[in-house]
N, C-alpha and C. Protein backbone atom coordinates (compact mmCIF):
# COMPACT_ATOMS: atom_id res chain seq x y z
N MET A 1 0.82 -1.20 0.00
CA MET A 1 0.00 0.00 0.00
C MET A 1 0.87 1.26 0.00
N ALA A 2 1.92 1.25 0.79
CA ALA A 2 2.80 2.42 0.88
C ALA A 2 3.46 2.70 -0.47
N ARG A 3 3.77 1.63 -1.21
CA ARG A 3 4.36 1.83 -2.54
C ARG A 3 3.43 2.61 -3.45
N TRP A 4 2.16 2.29 -3.42
CA TRP A 4 1.20 2.97 -4.28
C TRP A 4 1.04 4.44 -3.90
N LEU A 5 1.11 4.72 -2.61
CA LEU A 5 1.04 6.12 -2.17
C LEU A 5 2.25 6.91 -2.68
N VAL A 6 3.42 6.30 -2.62
CA VAL A 6 4.63 6.96 -3.12
C VAL A 6 4.54 7.16 -4.62
N VAL A 7 4.08 6.14 -5.34
CA VAL A 7 3.95 6.24 -6.80
C VAL A 7 2.95 7.32 -7.16
N CYS A 8 1.81 7.35 -6.48
CA CYS A 8 0.80 8.38 -6.75
C CYS A 8 1.32 9.77 -6.44
N ALA A 9 2.04 9.91 -5.33
CA ALA A 9 2.60 11.23 -4.98
C ALA A 9 3.62 11.68 -6.01
N CYS A 10 4.46 10.76 -6.46
CA CYS A 10 5.46 11.11 -7.49
C CYS A 10 4.79 11.49 -8.80
N LEU A 11 3.77 10.73 -9.17
CA LEU A 11 3.04 11.01 -10.41
C LEU A 11 2.36 12.37 -10.34
N PHE A 12 1.72 12.66 -9.21
CA PHE A 12 1.07 13.95 -9.03
C PHE A 12 2.09 15.09 -9.13
N GLY A 13 3.24 14.94 -8.49
CA GLY A 13 4.29 15.98 -8.55
C GLY A 13 4.80 16.18 -9.96
N ALA A 14 5.04 15.09 -10.67
CA ALA A 14 5.55 15.20 -12.04
C ALA A 14 4.55 15.89 -12.95
N VAL A 15 3.28 15.53 -12.82
CA VAL A 15 2.24 16.15 -13.65
C VAL A 15 2.10 17.63 -13.30
N SER A 16 2.12 17.94 -12.01
CA SER A 16 1.96 19.34 -11.59
C SER A 16 3.10 20.21 -12.11
N PHE A 17 4.34 19.79 -11.93
CA PHE A 17 5.48 20.58 -12.39
C PHE A 17 5.55 20.61 -13.91
N GLY A 18 5.23 19.52 -14.56
CA GLY A 18 5.23 19.47 -16.02
C GLY A 18 4.18 20.38 -16.61
N TYR A 19 3.02 20.43 -15.98
CA TYR A 19 1.95 21.29 -16.47
C TYR A 19 2.35 22.76 -16.40
N ARG A 20 3.03 23.14 -15.34
CA ARG A 20 3.49 24.53 -15.20
C ARG A 20 4.43 24.90 -16.34
N GLU A 21 5.27 23.97 -16.77
CA GLU A 21 6.20 24.24 -17.86
C GLU A 21 5.47 24.37 -19.19
N LEU A 22 4.38 23.63 -19.35
CA LEU A 22 3.63 23.67 -20.61
C LEU A 22 2.68 24.85 -20.70
N THR A 23 2.33 25.44 -19.57
CA THR A 23 1.42 26.58 -19.60
C THR A 23 2.24 27.86 -19.55
N ARG A 24 1.73 28.86 -20.16
CA ARG A 24 2.42 30.15 -20.17
C ARG A 24 1.41 31.26 -19.92
N ALA A 25 1.89 32.42 -19.58
CA ALA A 25 1.04 33.57 -19.33
C ALA A 25 0.24 33.90 -20.59
N PRO A 26 -0.99 34.40 -20.42
CA PRO A 26 -1.80 34.74 -21.59
C PRO A 26 -1.13 35.79 -22.48
N ASP A 27 -0.32 36.65 -21.88
CA ASP A 27 0.38 37.68 -22.64
C ASP A 27 1.87 37.34 -22.77
N ALA A 28 2.18 36.05 -22.92
CA ALA A 28 3.57 35.60 -22.99
C ALA A 28 4.33 36.35 -24.07
N LYS A 29 5.57 36.65 -23.78
CA LYS A 29 6.38 37.49 -24.66
C LYS A 29 7.18 36.66 -25.66
N THR A 30 7.49 37.27 -26.76
CA THR A 30 8.25 36.64 -27.82
C THR A 30 9.74 36.88 -27.62
N LEU A 31 10.53 36.51 -28.59
CA LEU A 31 11.98 36.67 -28.55
C LEU A 31 12.38 38.10 -28.17
N GLY A 32 13.22 38.23 -27.15
CA GLY A 32 13.72 39.53 -26.72
C GLY A 32 12.84 40.22 -25.70
N GLY A 33 11.66 39.68 -25.41
CA GLY A 33 10.78 40.29 -24.42
C GLY A 33 11.36 40.20 -23.03
N LEU A 34 11.04 41.18 -22.18
CA LEU A 34 11.53 41.18 -20.81
C LEU A 34 10.78 40.15 -19.97
N CYS A 35 11.51 39.49 -19.08
CA CYS A 35 10.89 38.45 -18.26
C CYS A 35 11.62 38.32 -16.93
N ASP A 36 10.90 37.74 -15.97
CA ASP A 36 11.49 37.36 -14.69
C ASP A 36 11.45 35.85 -14.51
N SER A 37 10.58 35.18 -15.29
CA SER A 37 10.48 33.72 -15.24
C SER A 37 10.06 33.21 -16.63
N THR A 38 10.31 31.93 -16.87
CA THR A 38 9.98 31.32 -18.15
C THR A 38 8.48 31.35 -18.40
N TYR A 39 7.67 31.35 -17.36
CA TYR A 39 6.22 31.43 -17.49
C TYR A 39 5.79 32.64 -18.33
N GLU A 40 6.58 33.70 -18.31
CA GLU A 40 6.27 34.94 -19.04
C GLU A 40 6.66 34.88 -20.52
N CYS A 41 7.34 33.82 -20.94
CA CYS A 41 7.82 33.68 -22.32
C CYS A 41 6.96 32.68 -23.08
N ARG A 42 6.86 32.89 -24.38
CA ARG A 42 6.11 31.96 -25.23
C ARG A 42 6.74 30.58 -25.21
N ILE A 43 5.92 29.57 -25.44
CA ILE A 43 6.42 28.20 -25.51
C ILE A 43 7.48 28.14 -26.61
N GLY A 44 8.56 27.46 -26.32
CA GLY A 44 9.69 27.39 -27.24
C GLY A 44 10.81 28.33 -26.84
N THR A 45 10.53 29.21 -25.88
CA THR A 45 11.57 30.10 -25.35
C THR A 45 11.59 29.96 -23.83
N ARG A 46 12.62 30.53 -23.23
CA ARG A 46 12.73 30.53 -21.77
C ARG A 46 13.31 31.88 -21.35
N CYS A 47 13.16 32.20 -20.08
CA CYS A 47 13.73 33.43 -19.55
C CYS A 47 15.21 33.18 -19.29
N VAL A 48 16.05 33.91 -19.99
CA VAL A 48 17.49 33.67 -19.96
C VAL A 48 18.20 34.63 -19.02
N GLU A 49 19.08 34.07 -18.20
CA GLU A 49 19.95 34.82 -17.30
C GLU A 49 21.36 34.29 -17.49
N VAL A 50 22.15 34.92 -18.34
CA VAL A 50 23.53 34.51 -18.57
C VAL A 50 24.40 35.73 -18.30
N ASP A 51 25.16 35.68 -17.22
CA ASP A 51 26.00 36.82 -16.82
C ASP A 51 26.85 37.33 -17.97
N GLY A 52 26.81 38.63 -18.18
CA GLY A 52 27.64 39.27 -19.19
C GLY A 52 27.12 39.11 -20.62
N VAL A 53 25.99 38.40 -20.78
CA VAL A 53 25.46 38.20 -22.14
C VAL A 53 24.03 38.69 -22.23
N MET A 54 23.11 37.98 -21.60
CA MET A 54 21.70 38.31 -21.68
C MET A 54 21.09 38.16 -20.29
N ARG A 55 20.26 39.14 -19.93
CA ARG A 55 19.69 39.14 -18.59
C ARG A 55 18.20 39.44 -18.65
N GLY A 56 17.39 38.46 -18.25
CA GLY A 56 15.95 38.68 -18.16
C GLY A 56 15.26 38.93 -19.47
N GLN A 57 15.60 38.14 -20.49
CA GLN A 57 14.93 38.25 -21.79
C GLN A 57 14.55 36.85 -22.26
N CYS A 58 13.45 36.77 -23.00
CA CYS A 58 13.00 35.50 -23.57
C CYS A 58 13.91 35.15 -24.75
N SER A 59 14.42 33.93 -24.72
CA SER A 59 15.31 33.47 -25.78
C SER A 59 15.29 31.95 -25.81
N THR A 60 16.08 31.37 -26.67
CA THR A 60 16.25 29.93 -26.75
C THR A 60 17.66 29.63 -27.22
N SER A 61 18.10 28.41 -27.01
CA SER A 61 19.43 28.00 -27.45
C SER A 61 19.45 27.85 -28.97
N CYS A 62 20.63 28.02 -29.55
CA CYS A 62 20.77 27.89 -31.00
C CYS A 62 22.18 27.42 -31.32
N ASN A 63 22.34 26.97 -32.55
CA ASN A 63 23.67 26.61 -33.03
C ASN A 63 23.99 27.31 -34.33
N SER A 64 23.01 28.08 -34.85
CA SER A 64 23.25 28.84 -36.08
C SER A 64 22.19 29.93 -36.22
N THR A 65 22.51 30.94 -36.99
CA THR A 65 21.54 32.00 -37.26
C THR A 65 20.34 31.46 -38.02
N VAL A 66 20.57 30.47 -38.85
CA VAL A 66 19.48 29.86 -39.62
C VAL A 66 18.42 29.29 -38.69
N SER A 67 18.84 28.62 -37.61
CA SER A 67 17.87 28.04 -36.68
C SER A 67 17.05 29.14 -35.98
N CYS A 68 17.66 30.26 -35.65
CA CYS A 68 16.93 31.38 -35.05
C CYS A 68 15.96 32.00 -36.06
N ALA A 69 16.43 32.22 -37.27
CA ALA A 69 15.58 32.81 -38.31
C ALA A 69 14.40 31.89 -38.62
N ASN A 70 14.61 30.59 -38.63
CA ASN A 70 13.51 29.65 -38.88
C ASN A 70 12.48 29.72 -37.77
N ALA A 71 12.91 29.89 -36.55
CA ALA A 71 12.00 29.92 -35.40
C ALA A 71 11.33 31.28 -35.20
N PHE A 72 12.05 32.39 -35.47
CA PHE A 72 11.55 33.71 -35.11
C PHE A 72 11.49 34.72 -36.26
N GLY A 73 11.91 34.34 -37.43
CA GLY A 73 11.89 35.26 -38.56
C GLY A 73 13.24 35.88 -38.84
N SER A 74 13.28 36.67 -39.88
CA SER A 74 14.55 37.21 -40.38
C SER A 74 15.20 38.23 -39.45
N THR A 75 14.48 38.69 -38.43
CA THR A 75 15.07 39.66 -37.50
C THR A 75 15.73 38.99 -36.30
N ALA A 76 15.97 37.69 -36.39
CA ALA A 76 16.61 36.97 -35.29
C ALA A 76 17.93 36.37 -35.77
N PHE A 77 18.90 36.30 -34.86
CA PHE A 77 20.15 35.66 -35.19
C PHE A 77 20.74 35.01 -33.95
N CYS A 78 21.75 34.17 -34.14
CA CYS A 78 22.37 33.41 -33.06
C CYS A 78 23.61 34.15 -32.56
N LEU A 79 23.61 34.47 -31.27
CA LEU A 79 24.77 35.11 -30.66
C LEU A 79 25.88 34.07 -30.47
N GLY A 80 27.09 34.54 -30.26
CA GLY A 80 28.21 33.65 -29.98
C GLY A 80 28.02 32.83 -28.72
N ALA A 81 27.11 33.26 -27.85
CA ALA A 81 26.82 32.53 -26.61
C ALA A 81 25.75 31.46 -26.84
N ASP A 82 25.46 31.16 -28.11
CA ASP A 82 24.47 30.15 -28.50
C ASP A 82 23.06 30.47 -28.00
N LEU A 83 22.68 31.75 -28.11
CA LEU A 83 21.35 32.20 -27.76
C LEU A 83 20.79 33.02 -28.92
N CYS A 84 19.50 32.83 -29.22
CA CYS A 84 18.85 33.65 -30.24
C CYS A 84 18.61 35.04 -29.68
N ALA A 85 18.78 36.05 -30.51
CA ALA A 85 18.54 37.44 -30.12
C ALA A 85 17.82 38.17 -31.24
N ARG A 86 17.14 39.24 -30.88
CA ARG A 86 16.44 40.08 -31.86
C ARG A 86 17.45 41.07 -32.45
N ALA A 87 17.62 41.03 -33.76
CA ALA A 87 18.55 41.93 -34.44
C ALA A 87 17.95 43.33 -34.54
N CYS A 88 18.82 44.32 -34.62
CA CYS A 88 18.35 45.70 -34.72
C CYS A 88 19.40 46.57 -35.41
N GLN A 89 18.92 47.69 -35.93
CA GLN A 89 19.82 48.73 -36.45
C GLN A 89 19.75 49.96 -35.55
N THR A 90 18.54 50.20 -35.00
CA THR A 90 18.34 51.29 -34.04
C THR A 90 17.45 50.77 -32.92
N SER A 91 17.37 51.50 -31.84
CA SER A 91 16.54 51.08 -30.70
C SER A 91 15.06 51.03 -31.03
N SER A 92 14.64 51.72 -32.07
CA SER A 92 13.23 51.66 -32.47
C SER A 92 12.86 50.28 -33.03
N ASP A 93 13.85 49.47 -33.38
CA ASP A 93 13.61 48.10 -33.84
C ASP A 93 13.37 47.13 -32.68
N CYS A 94 13.58 47.61 -31.45
CA CYS A 94 13.54 46.75 -30.26
C CYS A 94 12.20 46.86 -29.52
N LEU A 95 11.95 45.85 -28.69
CA LEU A 95 10.75 45.83 -27.86
C LEU A 95 10.92 46.80 -26.68
N PRO A 96 9.81 47.22 -26.07
CA PRO A 96 9.90 48.12 -24.90
C PRO A 96 10.79 47.53 -23.81
N GLY A 97 11.61 48.39 -23.22
CA GLY A 97 12.52 47.98 -22.15
C GLY A 97 13.86 47.47 -22.66
N THR A 98 14.02 47.45 -23.99
CA THR A 98 15.29 47.03 -24.57
C THR A 98 15.79 48.11 -25.52
N GLU A 99 17.08 48.07 -25.82
CA GLU A 99 17.66 49.01 -26.76
C GLU A 99 18.71 48.31 -27.60
N CYS A 100 18.98 48.88 -28.76
CA CYS A 100 19.95 48.30 -29.69
C CYS A 100 21.35 48.56 -29.14
N ASN A 101 22.10 47.48 -28.90
CA ASN A 101 23.44 47.65 -28.35
C ASN A 101 24.49 47.77 -29.47
N ASP A 102 25.75 47.87 -29.08
CA ASP A 102 26.84 48.05 -30.05
C ASP A 102 27.03 46.84 -30.97
N TYR A 103 26.42 45.72 -30.61
CA TYR A 103 26.57 44.49 -31.40
C TYR A 103 25.35 44.21 -32.27
N SER A 104 24.45 45.18 -32.37
CA SER A 104 23.25 45.12 -33.23
C SER A 104 22.23 44.08 -32.81
N TRP A 105 22.04 43.93 -31.50
CA TRP A 105 20.91 43.14 -31.01
C TRP A 105 20.27 43.86 -29.83
N CYS A 106 18.99 43.59 -29.61
CA CYS A 106 18.21 44.28 -28.58
C CYS A 106 18.53 43.71 -27.21
N GLU A 107 19.03 44.59 -26.35
CA GLU A 107 19.49 44.20 -25.01
C GLU A 107 18.63 44.92 -23.96
N ARG A 108 18.38 44.25 -22.86
CA ARG A 108 17.60 44.85 -21.76
C ARG A 108 18.28 46.11 -21.26
N VAL A 109 17.49 47.14 -21.02
CA VAL A 109 18.00 48.40 -20.50
C VAL A 109 18.13 48.25 -18.99
N ASP A 110 19.26 48.63 -18.45
CA ASP A 110 19.46 48.57 -17.00
C ASP A 110 18.62 49.65 -16.33
N VAL A 111 17.84 49.22 -15.36
CA VAL A 111 17.00 50.16 -14.61
C VAL A 111 17.36 50.05 -13.13
N GLU A 112 18.51 50.53 -12.78
CA GLU A 112 18.98 50.46 -11.39
C GLU A 112 19.12 51.83 -10.80
């Protein structure tokens, strides 16, 4: 009997945590959107925190610019840190809360 309780508890936990990963906020953000958790990003992206590269933006891993462009359109490319980013020429090409940096991708604006 105790085995079944453990199995049921594990199954319930796995389903609960898995469901949270599959659900996203109704206003989930696309590539480059500001986030504090993956829940705020569209399915297929996650909230990225990589020191010195990207902080609090929705992104995904990549191995080429082609993979980013296929997933997000021609305004996306793969950074050297293997993360997709939104390309820009000026800050007007970027989403709110981000600006075009010296490397031509939209980076979160520091608000400290």
